[in-house]
Amino acid sequence: MTSNNPEFVFGVVQSDAFPVYTNSSLFVQDDMANQASSDISLGLRWEINPAPGAADGRVPYTVQGSSLGTLGLAPKGTPL
């Protein structure tokens, strides 16, 4: 600080967030019994959970990179 040349600067911006989560699920189950007193129960689940959006239209930024040295913000509008 004495040389007016900081080595690290950290800024914070706080604002209210209104995330929107769209989750859809489907579950089907069937139970079967035969005369040998054995039962079979089968089920199938399908879920769709896309990335969250924003109620006020402000889409969150995506982080790109595969290691801490290469992390960075993707251009605005890049899918999550």
PDB file of N, CA and C in Angstrom:
ATOM      1  N   MET A   1       0.815  -1.195   0.000  1.00  0.00           N
ATOM      2  CA  MET A   1       0.000   0.000   0.000  1.00  0.00           C
ATOM      3  C   MET A   1       0.857   1.258   0.000  1.00  0.00           C
ATOM      4  N   THR A   2       2.041   1.168   0.527  1.00  0.00           N
ATOM      5  CA  THR A   2       2.872   2.380   0.585  1.00  0.00           C
ATOM      6  C   THR A   2       3.334   2.823  -0.798  1.00  0.00           C
ATOM      7  N   SER A   3       3.467   1.906  -1.738  1.00  0.00           N
ATOM      8  CA  SER A   3       3.895   2.269  -3.086  1.00  0.00           C
ATOM      9  C   SER A   3       2.711   2.499  -4.030  1.00  0.00           C
ATOM     10  N   ASN A   4       1.488   2.444  -3.493  1.00  0.00           N
ATOM     11  CA  ASN A   4       0.264   2.641  -4.272  1.00  0.00           C
ATOM     12  C   ASN A   4       0.149   1.615  -5.407  1.00  0.00           C
ATOM     13  N   ASN A   5       0.605   0.392  -5.156  1.00  0.00           N
ATOM     14  CA  ASN A   5       0.559  -0.676  -6.139  1.00  0.00           C
ATOM     15  C   ASN A   5       0.137  -1.971  -5.432  1.00  0.00           C
ATOM     16  N   PRO A   6      -1.167  -2.169  -5.197  1.00  0.00           N
ATOM     17  CA  PRO A   6      -1.605  -3.371  -4.479  1.00  0.00           C
ATOM     18  C   PRO A   6      -1.375  -4.628  -5.308  1.00  0.00           C
ATOM     19  N   GLU A   7      -1.060  -5.717  -4.636  1.00  0.00           N
ATOM     20  CA  GLU A   7      -0.871  -6.991  -5.315  1.00  0.00           C
ATOM     21  C   GLU A   7      -2.182  -7.729  -5.531  1.00  0.00           C
ATOM     22  N   PHE A   8      -3.206  -7.414  -4.753  1.00  0.00           N
ATOM     23  CA  PHE A   8      -4.477  -8.109  -4.861  1.00  0.00           C
ATOM     24  C   PHE A   8      -5.603  -7.138  -4.565  1.00  0.00           C
ATOM     25  N   VAL A   9      -6.617  -7.126  -5.414  1.00  0.00           N
ATOM     26  CA  VAL A   9      -7.790  -6.275  -5.224  1.00  0.00           C
ATOM     27  C   VAL A   9      -9.016  -7.162  -5.320  1.00  0.00           C
ATOM     28  N   PHE A  10      -9.949  -6.992  -4.411  1.00  0.00           N
ATOM     29  CA  PHE A  10     -11.153  -7.815  -4.375  1.00  0.00           C
ATOM     30  C   PHE A  10     -12.359  -6.899  -4.287  1.00  0.00           C
ATOM     31  N   GLY A  11     -13.296  -7.033  -5.213  1.00  0.00           N
ATOM     32  CA  GLY A  11     -14.513  -6.226  -5.207  1.00  0.00           C
ATOM     33  C   GLY A  11     -15.732  -7.105  -5.044  1.00  0.00           C
ATOM     34  N   VAL A  12     -16.732  -6.583  -4.383  1.00  0.00           N
ATOM     35  CA  VAL A  12     -17.963  -7.331  -4.132  1.00  0.00           C
ATOM     36  C   VAL A  12     -19.146  -6.474  -4.559  1.00  0.00           C
ATOM     37  N   VAL A  13     -20.064  -7.092  -5.294  1.00  0.00           N
ATOM     38  CA  VAL A  13     -21.310  -6.436  -5.658  1.00  0.00           C
ATOM     39  C   VAL A  13     -22.438  -7.311  -5.143  1.00  0.00           C
ATOM     40  N   GLN A  14     -23.303  -6.734  -4.353  1.00  0.00           N
ATOM     41  CA  GLN A  14     -24.421  -7.497  -3.809  1.00  0.00           C
ATOM     42  C   GLN A  14     -25.726  -6.960  -4.384  1.00  0.00           C
ATOM     43  N   SER A  15     -26.577  -7.878  -4.810  1.00  0.00           N
ATOM     44  CA  SER A  15     -27.908  -7.510  -5.272  1.00  0.00           C
ATOM     45  C   SER A  15     -28.837  -8.680  -4.983  1.00  0.00           C
ATOM     46  N   ASP A  16     -30.106  -8.394  -4.921  1.00  0.00           N
ATOM     47  CA  ASP A  16     -31.090  -9.436  -4.674  1.00  0.00           C
ATOM     48  C   ASP A  16     -31.153 -10.382  -5.868  1.00  0.00           C
ATOM     49  N   ALA A  17     -31.318 -11.656  -5.587  1.00  0.00           N
ATOM     50  CA  ALA A  17     -31.430 -12.669  -6.636  1.00  0.00           C
ATOM     51  C   ALA A  17     -32.791 -13.338  -6.534  1.00  0.00           C
ATOM     52  N   PHE A  18     -33.380 -13.609  -7.669  1.00  0.00           N
ATOM     53  CA  PHE A  18     -34.679 -14.272  -7.726  1.00  0.00           C
ATOM     54  C   PHE A  18     -34.574 -15.459  -8.681  1.00  0.00           C
ATOM     55  N   PRO A  19     -33.922 -16.552  -8.245  1.00  0.00           N
ATOM     56  CA  PRO A  19     -33.734 -17.695  -9.147  1.00  0.00           C
ATOM     57  C   PRO A  19     -35.043 -18.435  -9.409  1.00  0.00           C
ATOM     58  N   VAL A  20     -35.126 -19.009 -10.600  1.00  0.00           N
ATOM     59  CA  VAL A  20     -36.278 -19.811 -10.997  1.00  0.00           C
ATOM     60  C   VAL A  20     -35.760 -21.203 -11.347  1.00  0.00           C
ATOM     61  N   TYR A  21     -36.270 -22.201 -10.661  1.00  0.00           N
ATOM     62  CA  TYR A  21     -35.884 -23.591 -10.896  1.00  0.00           C
ATOM     63  C   TYR A  21     -37.050 -24.316 -11.549  1.00  0.00           C
ATOM     64  N   THR A  22     -36.809 -24.926 -12.693  1.00  0.00           N
ATOM     65  CA  THR A  22     -37.831 -25.690 -13.392  1.00  0.00           C
ATOM     66  C   THR A  22     -37.446 -27.161 -13.319  1.00  0.00           C
ATOM     67  N   ASN A  23     -38.212 -27.940 -12.586  1.00  0.00           N
ATOM     68  CA  ASN A  23     -37.930 -29.362 -12.410  1.00  0.00           C
ATOM     69  C   ASN A  23     -39.177 -30.154 -12.803  1.00  0.00           C
ATOM     70  N   SER A  24     -38.982 -31.155 -13.645  1.00  0.00           N
ATOM     71  CA  SER A  24     -40.082 -32.027 -14.056  1.00  0.00           C
ATOM     72  C   SER A  24     -39.665 -33.473 -13.814  1.00  0.00           C
ATOM     73  N   SER A  25     -40.565 -34.236 -13.226  1.00  0.00           N
ATOM     74  CA  SER A  25     -40.266 -35.633 -12.923  1.00  0.00           C
ATOM     75  C   SER A  25     -41.465 -36.505 -13.286  1.00  0.00           C
ATOM     76  N   LEU A  26     -41.159 -37.721 -13.697  1.00  0.00           N
ATOM     77  CA  LEU A  26     -42.187 -38.707 -13.999  1.00  0.00           C
ATOM     78  C   LEU A  26     -41.751 -40.024 -13.379  1.00  0.00           C
ATOM     79  N   PHE A  27     -42.669 -40.687 -12.680  1.00  0.00           N
ATOM     80  CA  PHE A  27     -42.360 -41.971 -12.053  1.00  0.00           C
ATOM     81  C   PHE A  27     -43.494 -42.935 -12.343  1.00  0.00           C
ATOM     82  N   VAL A  28     -43.138 -44.123 -12.827  1.00  0.00           N
ATOM     83  CA  VAL A  28     -44.111 -45.172 -13.133  1.00  0.00           C
ATOM     84  C   VAL A  28     -43.677 -46.421 -12.377  1.00  0.00           C
ATOM     85  N   GLN A  29     -44.638 -47.071 -11.718  1.00  0.00           N
ATOM     86  CA  GLN A  29     -44.319 -48.272 -10.951  1.00  0.00           C
ATOM     87  C   GLN A  29     -45.385 -49.336 -11.212  1.00  0.00           C
ATOM     88  N   ASP A  30     -44.920 -50.587 -11.218  1.00  0.00           N
ATOM     89  CA  ASP A  30     -45.835 -51.708 -11.406  1.00  0.00           C
ATOM     90  C   ASP A  30     -45.442 -52.821 -10.443  1.00  0.00           C
ATOM     91  N   ASP A  31     -46.422 -53.416  -9.808  1.00  0.00           N
ATOM     92  CA  ASP A  31     -46.200 -54.548  -8.909  1.00  0.00           C
ATOM     93  C   ASP A  31     -46.846 -55.782  -9.525  1.00  0.00           C
ATOM     94  N   MET A  32     -46.096 -56.879  -9.542  1.00  0.00           N
ATOM     95  CA  MET A  32     -46.613 -58.130 -10.089  1.00  0.00           C
ATOM     96  C   MET A  32     -46.460 -59.230  -9.045  1.00  0.00           C
ATOM     97  N   ALA A  33     -47.448 -60.094  -8.957  1.00  0.00           N
ATOM     98  CA  ALA A  33     -47.385 -61.231  -8.027  1.00  0.00           C
ATOM     99  C   ALA A  33     -47.782 -62.488  -8.788  1.00  0.00           C
ATOM    100  N   ASN A  34     -47.052 -63.560  -8.504  1.00  0.00           N
ATOM    101  CA  ASN A  34     -47.440 -64.829  -9.118  1.00  0.00           C
ATOM    102  C   ASN A  34     -47.917 -65.780  -8.019  1.00  0.00           C
ATOM    103  N   GLN A  35     -48.307 -66.973  -8.388  1.00  0.00           N
ATOM    104  CA  GLN A  35     -48.905 -67.894  -7.421  1.00  0.00           C
ATOM    105  C   GLN A  35     -47.867 -68.562  -6.528  1.00  0.00           C
ATOM    106  N   ALA A  36     -46.596 -68.400  -6.809  1.00  0.00           N
ATOM    107  CA  ALA A  36     -45.556 -69.008  -5.979  1.00  0.00           C
ATOM    108  C   ALA A  36     -45.175 -68.079  -4.821  1.00  0.00           C
ATOM    109  N   SER A  37     -46.028 -67.157  -4.517  1.00  0.00           N
ATOM    110  CA  SER A  37     -45.854 -66.184  -3.430  1.00  0.00           C
ATOM    111  C   SER A  37     -44.570 -65.365  -3.564  1.00  0.00           C
ATOM    112  N   SER A  38     -44.228 -65.017  -4.784  1.00  0.00           N
ATOM    113  CA  SER A  38     -43.120 -64.072  -4.982  1.00  0.00           C
ATOM    114  C   SER A  38     -43.670 -62.829  -5.674  1.00  0.00           C
ATOM    115  N   ASP A  39     -43.174 -61.712  -5.259  1.00  0.00           N
ATOM    116  CA  ASP A  39     -43.626 -60.436  -5.804  1.00  0.00           C
ATOM    117  C   ASP A  39     -42.472 -59.743  -6.522  1.00  0.00           C
ATOM    118  N   ILE A  40     -42.795 -59.037  -7.584  1.00  0.00           N
ATOM    119  CA  ILE A  40     -41.821 -58.233  -8.320  1.00  0.00           C
ATOM    120  C   ILE A  40     -42.354 -56.816  -8.391  1.00  0.00           C
ATOM    121  N   SER A  41     -41.523 -55.884  -8.040  1.00  0.00           N
ATOM    122  CA  SER A  41     -41.887 -54.470  -8.111  1.00  0.00           C
ATOM    123  C   SER A  41     -40.873 -53.757  -8.997  1.00  0.00           C
ATOM    124  N   LEU A  42     -41.337 -53.120 -10.067  1.00  0.00           N
ATOM    125  CA  LEU A  42     -40.483 -52.421 -11.012  1.00  0.00           C
ATOM    126  C   LEU A  42     -40.879 -50.954 -11.073  1.00  0.00           C
ATOM    127  N   GLY A  43     -39.890 -50.085 -11.244  1.00  0.00           N
ATOM    128  CA  GLY A  43     -40.178 -48.672 -11.365  1.00  0.00           C
ATOM    129  C   GLY A  43     -39.237 -48.009 -12.350  1.00  0.00           C
ATOM    130  N   LEU A  44     -39.689 -46.921 -12.921  1.00  0.00           N
ATOM    131  CA  LEU A  44     -38.904 -46.145 -13.866  1.00  0.00           C
ATOM    132  C   LEU A  44     -39.085 -44.669 -13.533  1.00  0.00           C
ATOM    133  N   ARG A  45     -37.969 -43.948 -13.433  1.00  0.00           N
ATOM    134  CA  ARG A  45     -38.026 -42.516 -13.133  1.00  0.00           C
ATOM    135  C   ARG A  45     -37.312 -41.758 -14.243  1.00  0.00           C
ATOM    136  N   TRP A  46     -37.918 -40.637 -14.657  1.00  0.00           N
ATOM    137  CA  TRP A  46     -37.315 -39.749 -15.655  1.00  0.00           C
ATOM    138  C   TRP A  46     -37.404 -38.336 -15.096  1.00  0.00           C
ATOM    139  N   GLU A  47     -36.278 -37.650 -15.056  1.00  0.00           N
ATOM    140  CA  GLU A  47     -36.243 -36.290 -14.519  1.00  0.00           C
ATOM    141  C   GLU A  47     -35.604 -35.343 -15.518  1.00  0.00           C
ATOM    142  N   ILE A  48     -36.126 -34.143 -15.571  1.00  0.00           N
ATOM    143  CA  ILE A  48     -35.549 -33.067 -16.376  1.00  0.00           C
ATOM    144  C   ILE A  48     -35.298 -31.906 -15.424  1.00  0.00           C
ATOM    145  N   ASN A  49     -34.036 -31.531 -15.252  1.00  0.00           N
ATOM    146  CA  ASN A  49     -33.656 -30.459 -14.348  1.00  0.00           C
ATOM    147  C   ASN A  49     -32.705 -29.502 -15.070  1.00  0.00           C
ATOM    148  N   PRO A  50     -33.245 -28.563 -15.849  1.00  0.00           N
ATOM    149  CA  PRO A  50     -32.363 -27.631 -16.550  1.00  0.00           C
ATOM    150  C   PRO A  50     -31.708 -26.646 -15.583  1.00  0.00           C
ATOM    151  N   ALA A  51     -30.731 -25.922 -16.073  1.00  0.00           N
ATOM    152  CA  ALA A  51     -30.037 -24.924 -15.262  1.00  0.00           C
ATOM    153  C   ALA A  51     -31.027 -23.849 -14.807  1.00  0.00           C
ATOM    154  N   PRO A  52     -30.802 -23.250 -13.634  1.00  0.00           N
ATOM    155  CA  PRO A  52     -31.727 -22.230 -13.139  1.00  0.00           C
ATOM    156  C   PRO A  52     -31.699 -20.973 -13.996  1.00  0.00           C
ATOM    157  N   GLY A  53     -32.796 -20.269 -13.973  1.00  0.00           N
ATOM    158  CA  GLY A  53     -32.910 -18.988 -14.662  1.00  0.00           C
ATOM    159  C   GLY A  53     -33.137 -17.896 -13.641  1.00  0.00           C
ATOM    160  N   ALA A  54     -33.606 -16.749 -14.087  1.00  0.00           N
ATOM    161  CA  ALA A  54     -33.853 -15.624 -13.190  1.00  0.00           C
ATOM    162  C   ALA A  54     -35.212 -15.026 -13.495  1.00  0.00           C
ATOM    163  N   ALA A  55     -35.970 -14.728 -12.451  1.00  0.00           N
ATOM    164  CA  ALA A  55     -37.313 -14.183 -12.613  1.00  0.00           C
ATOM    165  C   ALA A  55     -37.293 -12.775 -13.196  1.00  0.00           C
ATOM    166  N   ASP A  56     -36.233 -12.029 -12.945  1.00  0.00           N
ATOM    167  CA  ASP A  56     -36.166 -10.651 -13.424  1.00  0.00           C
ATOM    168  C   ASP A  56     -35.406 -10.511 -14.735  1.00  0.00           C
ATOM    169  N   GLY A  57     -35.047 -11.639 -15.368  1.00  0.00           N
ATOM    170  CA  GLY A  57     -34.380 -11.597 -16.659  1.00  0.00           C
ATOM    171  C   GLY A  57     -32.863 -11.533 -16.611  1.00  0.00           C
ATOM    172  N   ARG A  58     -32.292 -11.370 -15.429  1.00  0.00           N
ATOM    173  CA  ARG A  58     -30.830 -11.332 -15.319  1.00  0.00           C
ATOM    174  C   ARG A  58     -30.313 -12.767 -15.260  1.00  0.00           C
ATOM    175  N   VAL A  59     -29.687 -13.220 -16.314  1.00  0.00           N
ATOM    176  CA  VAL A  59     -29.192 -14.588 -16.399  1.00  0.00           C
ATOM    177  C   VAL A  59     -27.832 -14.663 -15.718  1.00  0.00           C
ATOM    178  N   PRO A  60     -27.603 -15.686 -14.889  1.00  0.00           N
ATOM    179  CA  PRO A  60     -26.306 -15.796 -14.218  1.00  0.00           C
ATOM    180  C   PRO A  60     -25.185 -16.090 -15.202  1.00  0.00           C
ATOM    181  N   TYR A  61     -23.978 -15.721 -14.826  1.00  0.00           N
ATOM    182  CA  TYR A  61     -22.806 -15.989 -15.657  1.00  0.00           C
ATOM    183  C   TYR A  61     -22.350 -17.429 -15.485  1.00  0.00           C
ATOM    184  N   THR A  62     -21.687 -17.947 -16.494  1.00  0.00           N
ATOM    185  CA  THR A  62     -21.130 -19.290 -16.480  1.00  0.00           C
ATOM    186  C   THR A  62     -19.631 -19.192 -16.264  1.00  0.00           C
ATOM    187  N   VAL A  63     -19.087 -20.114 -15.491  1.00  0.00           N
ATOM    188  CA  VAL A  63     -17.641 -20.174 -15.275  1.00  0.00           C
ATOM    189  C   VAL A  63     -17.081 -21.240 -16.205  1.00  0.00           C
ATOM    190  N   GLN A  64     -16.006 -20.899 -16.910  1.00  0.00           N
ATOM    191  CA  GLN A  64     -15.352 -21.837 -17.805  1.00  0.00           C
ATOM    192  C   GLN A  64     -13.951 -22.132 -17.297  1.00  0.00           C
ATOM    193  N   GLY A  65     -13.457 -23.313 -17.610  1.00  0.00           N
ATOM    194  CA  GLY A  65     -12.112 -23.700 -17.229  1.00  0.00           C
ATOM    195  C   GLY A  65     -12.118 -25.046 -16.547  1.00  0.00           C
ATOM    196  N   SER A  66     -10.967 -25.707 -16.599  1.00  0.00           N
ATOM    197  CA  SER A  66     -10.881 -27.034 -16.020  1.00  0.00           C
ATOM    198  C   SER A  66      -9.980 -27.096 -14.795  1.00  0.00           C
ATOM    199  N   SER A  67      -9.316 -26.004 -14.471  1.00  0.00           N
ATOM    200  CA  SER A  67      -8.474 -25.963 -13.279  1.00  0.00           C
ATOM    201  C   SER A  67      -8.502 -24.549 -12.715  1.00  0.00           C
ATOM    202  N   LEU A  68      -8.011 -24.384 -11.512  1.00  0.00           N
ATOM    203  CA  LEU A  68      -8.043 -23.062 -10.887  1.00  0.00           C
ATOM    204  C   LEU A  68      -7.272 -22.030 -11.699  1.00  0.00           C
ATOM    205  N   GLY A  69      -6.241 -22.445 -12.391  1.00  0.00           N
ATOM    206  CA  GLY A  69      -5.454 -21.507 -13.186  1.00  0.00           C
ATOM    207  C   GLY A  69      -6.134 -21.039 -14.448  1.00  0.00           C
ATOM    208  N   THR A  70      -7.140 -21.786 -14.924  1.00  0.00           N
ATOM    209  CA  THR A  70      -7.801 -21.434 -16.178  1.00  0.00           C
ATOM    210  C   THR A  70      -9.246 -20.977 -15.989  1.00  0.00           C
ATOM    211  N   LEU A  71      -9.721 -20.831 -14.768  1.00  0.00           N
ATOM    212  CA  LEU A  71     -11.100 -20.420 -14.536  1.00  0.00           C
ATOM    213  C   LEU A  71     -11.318 -18.983 -14.971  1.00  0.00           C
ATOM    214  N   GLY A  72     -12.481 -18.726 -15.554  1.00  0.00           N
ATOM    215  CA  GLY A  72     -12.834 -17.385 -15.961  1.00  0.00           C
ATOM    216  C   GLY A  72     -14.307 -17.325 -16.303  1.00  0.00           C
ATOM    217  N   LEU A  73     -14.856 -16.130 -16.376  1.00  0.00           N
ATOM    218  CA  LEU A  73     -16.263 -15.958 -16.734  1.00  0.00           C
ATOM    219  C   LEU A  73     -16.447 -16.103 -18.225  1.00  0.00           C
ATOM    220  N   ALA A  74     -17.473 -16.844 -18.592  1.00  0.00           N
ATOM    221  CA  ALA A  74     -17.816 -17.004 -20.005  1.00  0.00           C
ATOM    222  C   ALA A  74     -18.582 -15.760 -20.458  1.00  0.00           C
ATOM    223  N   PRO A  75     -18.672 -15.526 -21.755  1.00  0.00           N
ATOM    224  CA  PRO A  75     -19.458 -14.384 -22.247  1.00  0.00           C
ATOM    225  C   PRO A  75     -20.911 -14.489 -21.798  1.00  0.00           C
ATOM    226  N   LYS A  76     -21.537 -13.363 -21.593  1.00  0.00           N
ATOM    227  CA  LYS A  76     -22.928 -13.329 -21.140  1.00  0.00           C
ATOM    228  C   LYS A  76     -23.814 -14.064 -22.156  1.00  0.00           C
ATOM    229  N   GLY A  77     -24.699 -14.896 -21.655  1.00  0.00           N
ATOM    230  CA  GLY A  77     -25.593 -15.667 -22.496  1.00  0.00           C
ATOM    231  C   GLY A  77     -25.122 -17.086 -22.775  1.00  0.00           C
ATOM    232  N   THR A  78     -23.906 -17.415 -22.339  1.00  0.00           N
ATOM    233  CA  THR A  78     -23.409 -18.786 -22.495  1.00  0.00           C
ATOM    234  C   THR A  78     -24.248 -19.709 -21.625  1.00  0.00           C
ATOM    235  N   PRO A  79     -24.772 -20.831 -22.167  1.00  0.00           N
ATOM    236  CA  PRO A  79     -25.586 -21.735 -21.356  1.00  0.00           C
ATOM    237  C   PRO A  79     -24.795 -22.275 -20.157  1.00  0.00           C
ATOM    238  N   LEU A  80     -25.509 -22.471 -19.064  1.00  0.00           N
ATOM    239  CA  LEU A  80     -24.861 -23.020 -17.864  1.00  0.00           C
ATOM    240  C   LEU A  80     -24.497 -24.466 -18.066  1.00  0.00           C
TER     241      LEU A  80
END
